[in-house]
Amino acid sequence: FGLVCQALRRGMGKFLHDPELKLYFTIIAVSTIAVSAGLSYGGLQGSAAAIQTVSIMTTTGFVTADSAAWPLFCKMILFSLMFVGACSSSAGGGLKVVRVLMVFKLMGRGVFVRLHPNAVVSIKLYDQTMPGDMVSKAASFVFLYAVVFFAGSLLVSFDTPDLVSGVSAAASSLGNIGPMLCEAGMSTDYTVFSPFSKLVLSLLMVLGRLELFTPLILFTPGFWHPGR
């Protein structure tokens, strides 16, 4: 939303040169091509690849194709996109593309410093050097996201016989994606889960919507005792 407002005020140049938007469109394009190739290799129609990829990436939640017969390769791509999610300052869920970009830059810097121990490398984004605390927060968020996903998947596994359904339902709920992967393909029917699993998935959905750190304010002393 912030990028759209800047584009309306300053022109499309800002919009087209945004690094997060470039990565966003790159991920969609590469994923669509890969899913289409996988479907074609499996002898299936690849026309639904773009719609389903965009639906998962934008966390819109539409299921437009019967993906039960889709190759595992295509399903794994869609499952991976559940974690990436939409762009920052949008209504979409997931990690957000800007955090993924910052973490990859952090990983790249780590490898470069290993190869060149005396080098001083800063992480730049939007033609600016990112403060260390901002990069640290992005990395902390990604790590916490992975921990919450693993914990949610573990809890759901108590009474979910299908590993794929349990894991993908946890990822979908945490990212506010909508559909999950199961033996029947992409599904939005969560009635197969027990009340306990539904409670866990609902909690994951709320945590993901509030971006994990927000609920931590409930554990600060000042929240319950404002005068202290």
Protein backbone atom coordinates (compact mmCIF):
# COMPACT_ATOMS: atom_id res chain seq x y z
CA PHE A 1 0.00 0.00 0.00
CA GLY A 2 2.83 2.38 0.83
CA LEU A 3 4.51 1.70 -2.51
CA VAL A 4 1.28 2.34 -4.41
CA CYS A 5 0.86 5.69 -2.63
CA GLN A 6 4.44 6.68 -3.50
CA ALA A 7 3.87 5.70 -7.13
CA LEU A 8 0.76 7.88 -7.29
CA ARG A 9 2.65 10.83 -5.77
CA ARG A 10 6.07 10.49 -7.43
CA GLY A 11 5.40 8.51 -10.60
CA MET A 12 5.85 4.92 -11.72
CA GLY A 13 9.65 5.10 -11.58
CA LYS A 14 9.65 4.47 -7.84
CA PHE A 15 7.20 1.63 -8.32
CA LEU A 16 9.17 -0.20 -11.00
CA HIS A 17 12.57 0.09 -9.29
CA ASP A 18 11.47 -1.16 -5.87
CA PRO A 19 13.69 -4.15 -4.91
CA GLU A 20 10.95 -5.92 -2.96
CA LEU A 21 8.51 -5.64 -5.86
CA LYS A 22 11.14 -6.94 -8.28
CA LEU A 23 11.76 -9.99 -6.10
CA TYR A 24 8.02 -10.45 -5.67
CA PHE A 25 7.36 -10.58 -9.40
CA THR A 26 10.47 -12.71 -9.95
CA ILE A 27 9.26 -15.32 -7.46
CA ILE A 28 5.81 -15.38 -9.08
CA ALA A 29 7.26 -15.67 -12.60
CA VAL A 30 9.80 -18.39 -11.75
CA SER A 31 7.26 -20.36 -9.69
CA THR A 32 4.64 -20.15 -12.45
CA ILE A 33 7.11 -21.36 -15.07
CA ALA A 34 8.31 -24.17 -12.80
CA VAL A 35 4.77 -25.34 -11.97
CA SER A 36 3.77 -25.16 -15.63
CA ALA A 37 6.83 -27.20 -16.60
CA GLY A 38 6.07 -29.76 -13.91
CA LEU A 39 2.49 -30.10 -15.05
CA SER A 40 3.50 -30.40 -18.69
CA TYR A 41 6.11 -33.03 -17.81
CA GLY A 42 3.39 -34.97 -16.00
CA GLY A 43 1.08 -34.76 -19.01
CA LEU A 44 -1.32 -32.30 -17.38
CA GLN A 45 -2.71 -28.94 -18.41
CA GLY A 46 -0.53 -26.07 -17.18
CA SER A 47 -3.11 -23.32 -17.64
CA ALA A 48 -3.98 -23.20 -13.91
CA ALA A 49 -0.37 -22.76 -12.79
CA ALA A 50 -0.35 -18.95 -12.86
CA ILE A 51 -3.69 -18.53 -11.09
CA GLN A 52 -2.87 -21.02 -8.35
CA THR A 53 0.63 -19.62 -7.85
CA VAL A 54 -0.61 -16.04 -7.56
CA SER A 55 -3.42 -17.15 -5.23
CA ILE A 56 -0.94 -18.75 -2.81
CA MET A 57 1.66 -16.00 -3.10
CA THR A 58 -0.87 -13.21 -2.46
CA THR A 59 -2.55 -15.27 0.30
CA THR A 60 -5.87 -14.76 -1.51
CA GLY A 61 -7.00 -18.32 -0.83
CA PHE A 62 -8.62 -19.33 -4.11
CA VAL A 63 -8.52 -22.95 -5.27
CA THR A 64 -9.17 -23.00 -9.00
CA ALA A 65 -7.93 -26.41 -10.08
CA ASP A 66 -8.10 -30.05 -9.05
CA SER A 67 -4.50 -30.53 -7.98
CA ALA A 68 -4.89 -34.08 -6.67
CA ALA A 69 -3.04 -35.44 -9.70
CA TRP A 70 -0.40 -32.70 -9.71
CA PRO A 71 3.23 -33.87 -9.40
CA LEU A 72 4.83 -33.58 -5.98
CA PHE A 73 7.29 -31.07 -7.46
CA CYS A 74 4.44 -28.62 -8.19
CA LYS A 75 2.91 -29.09 -4.75
CA MET A 76 6.26 -28.45 -3.08
CA ILE A 77 6.56 -25.14 -4.91
CA LEU A 78 3.11 -24.06 -3.75
CA PHE A 79 3.96 -25.20 -0.22
CA SER A 80 7.15 -23.11 -0.26
CA LEU A 81 5.22 -20.04 -1.42
CA MET A 82 3.02 -20.33 1.68
CA PHE A 83 5.99 -19.18 3.74
CA VAL A 84 7.02 -16.28 1.49
CA GLY A 85 3.65 -14.54 1.35
CA ALA A 86 2.90 -11.06 0.09
CA CYS A 87 4.78 -7.75 0.15
CA SER A 88 5.27 -5.57 3.22
CA SER A 89 2.61 -3.02 4.18
CA SER A 90 -0.01 -5.16 2.48
CA ALA A 91 -2.99 -7.07 3.83
CA GLY A 92 -1.38 -10.38 2.85
CA GLY A 93 0.19 -12.86 5.22
CA GLY A 94 3.36 -14.92 5.33
CA LEU A 95 6.89 -13.81 6.13
CA LYS A 96 6.61 -10.92 3.63
CA VAL A 97 8.97 -10.61 0.69
CA VAL A 98 11.08 -7.82 2.18
CA ARG A 99 12.06 -10.02 5.13
CA VAL A 100 12.98 -12.85 2.79
CA LEU A 101 15.10 -10.40 0.80
CA MET A 102 16.87 -9.10 3.89
CA VAL A 103 17.59 -12.59 5.22
CA PHE A 104 19.04 -13.69 1.88
CA LYS A 105 21.22 -10.58 1.84
CA LEU A 106 22.31 -11.44 5.39
CA MET A 107 23.18 -14.98 4.31
CA GLY A 108 25.08 -13.66 1.30
CA ARG A 109 27.07 -11.31 3.50
CA GLY A 110 27.88 -14.18 5.85
CA VAL A 111 29.27 -16.30 3.01
CA PHE A 112 31.25 -13.37 1.60
CA VAL A 113 32.78 -12.54 4.98
CA ARG A 114 33.76 -16.18 5.41
CA LEU A 115 35.63 -16.03 2.11
CA HIS A 116 37.05 -12.55 2.81
CA PRO A 117 37.55 -12.25 6.60
CA ASN A 118 38.89 -8.68 6.42
CA ALA A 119 36.01 -7.35 4.34
CA VAL A 120 33.46 -4.96 5.81
CA VAL A 121 30.15 -5.54 4.04
CA SER A 122 26.93 -3.70 4.83
CA ILE A 123 23.43 -4.78 3.85
CA LYS A 124 21.79 -2.28 1.53
CA LEU A 125 18.14 -1.97 0.64
CA TYR A 126 16.41 0.87 -1.18
CA ASP A 127 19.88 2.34 -1.83
CA GLN A 128 20.39 2.74 1.90
CA THR A 129 22.48 0.85 4.42
CA MET A 130 20.17 -1.07 6.70
CA PRO A 131 20.74 -0.56 10.44
CA GLY A 132 21.96 -3.63 12.26
CA ASP A 133 18.93 -3.74 14.56
CA MET A 134 16.55 -3.77 11.59
CA VAL A 135 18.35 -6.69 9.97
CA SER A 136 18.44 -8.47 13.33
CA LYS A 137 14.68 -8.02 13.76
CA ALA A 138 14.03 -9.47 10.31
CA ALA A 139 16.23 -12.49 11.04
CA SER A 140 14.61 -12.93 14.47
CA PHE A 141 11.15 -12.84 12.92
CA VAL A 142 12.05 -15.51 10.35
CA PHE A 143 13.53 -17.73 13.07
CA LEU A 144 10.52 -17.26 15.36
CA TYR A 145 8.20 -17.95 12.42
CA ALA A 146 9.96 -21.26 11.81
CA VAL A 147 9.78 -22.20 15.50
CA VAL A 148 6.05 -21.40 15.74
CA PHE A 149 5.38 -23.35 12.52
CA PHE A 150 7.26 -26.39 13.84
CA ALA A 151 5.48 -26.22 17.20
CA GLY A 152 2.08 -25.88 15.53
CA SER A 153 2.79 -28.79 13.18
CA LEU A 154 3.84 -30.91 16.14
CA LEU A 155 0.66 -30.15 18.07
CA VAL A 156 -1.59 -30.80 15.08
CA SER A 157 0.16 -34.13 14.50
CA PHE A 158 -1.34 -35.55 17.71
CA ASP A 159 -4.59 -36.48 15.98
CA THR A 160 -3.90 -35.87 12.28
CA PRO A 161 -3.07 -39.14 10.50
CA ASP A 162 -1.86 -37.46 7.29
CA LEU A 163 1.52 -35.73 7.59
CA VAL A 164 1.01 -33.59 4.49
CA SER A 165 -2.36 -32.28 5.67
CA GLY A 166 -1.10 -31.46 9.15
CA VAL A 167 2.07 -29.69 8.08
CA SER A 168 0.48 -27.75 5.22
CA ALA A 169 -2.51 -26.77 7.37
CA ALA A 170 -0.13 -25.32 9.97
CA ALA A 171 1.78 -23.40 7.28
CA SER A 172 -1.44 -22.20 5.67
CA SER A 173 -2.95 -21.05 8.96
CA LEU A 174 0.19 -19.27 10.14
CA GLY A 175 0.54 -17.50 6.80
CA ASN A 176 -3.20 -16.81 6.49
CA ILE A 177 -3.10 -18.55 3.11
CA GLY A 178 -6.43 -20.37 3.09
CA PRO A 179 -6.08 -23.70 1.22
CA MET A 180 -3.93 -26.56 2.41
CA LEU A 181 -2.34 -29.52 0.68
CA CYS A 182 -3.85 -32.96 1.21
CA GLU A 183 -4.38 -36.23 -0.61
CA ALA A 184 -7.25 -34.61 -2.53
CA GLY A 185 -4.97 -31.80 -3.74
CA MET A 186 -5.59 -28.22 -2.62
CA SER A 187 -8.46 -28.00 -0.15
CA THR A 188 -10.14 -25.38 2.02
CA ASP A 189 -12.10 -27.98 4.01
CA TYR A 190 -10.76 -28.00 7.56
CA THR A 191 -13.62 -30.11 8.95
CA VAL A 192 -11.34 -33.15 8.85
CA PHE A 193 -9.46 -31.84 11.88
CA SER A 194 -10.41 -32.44 15.48
CA PRO A 195 -11.54 -29.60 17.79
CA PHE A 196 -8.08 -29.55 19.38
CA SER A 197 -6.35 -29.22 16.00
CA LYS A 198 -8.80 -26.52 14.94
CA LEU A 199 -7.98 -24.60 18.12
CA VAL A 200 -4.24 -24.87 17.38
CA LEU A 201 -4.75 -23.79 13.76
CA SER A 202 -6.93 -20.87 14.88
CA LEU A 203 -4.20 -19.77 17.28
CA LEU A 204 -1.63 -20.00 14.48
CA MET A 205 -3.89 -17.90 12.26
CA VAL A 206 -4.17 -15.17 14.90
CA LEU A 207 -0.42 -15.21 15.60
CA GLY A 208 0.34 -14.96 11.89
CA ARG A 209 -2.15 -12.16 11.37
CA LEU A 210 -0.62 -10.18 14.25
CA GLU A 211 2.90 -10.96 12.97
CA LEU A 212 4.02 -12.93 16.05
CA PHE A 213 5.64 -10.12 18.03
CA THR A 214 2.45 -8.14 18.68
CA PRO A 215 0.90 -10.68 21.14
CA LEU A 216 4.08 -10.48 23.25
CA ILE A 217 2.80 -7.20 24.65
CA LEU A 218 0.41 -9.30 26.76
CA PHE A 219 3.41 -10.59 28.71
CA THR A 220 4.85 -7.18 29.55
CA PRO A 221 4.17 -5.98 33.12
CA GLY A 222 3.07 -2.55 31.93
CA PHE A 223 0.14 -4.03 29.96
CA TRP A 224 -1.60 -5.41 33.03
CA HIS A 225 -0.44 -2.66 35.42
CA PRO A 226 -0.34 0.60 33.42
CA GLY A 227 0.48 2.69 36.47
CA ARG A 228 3.67 0.83 37.27
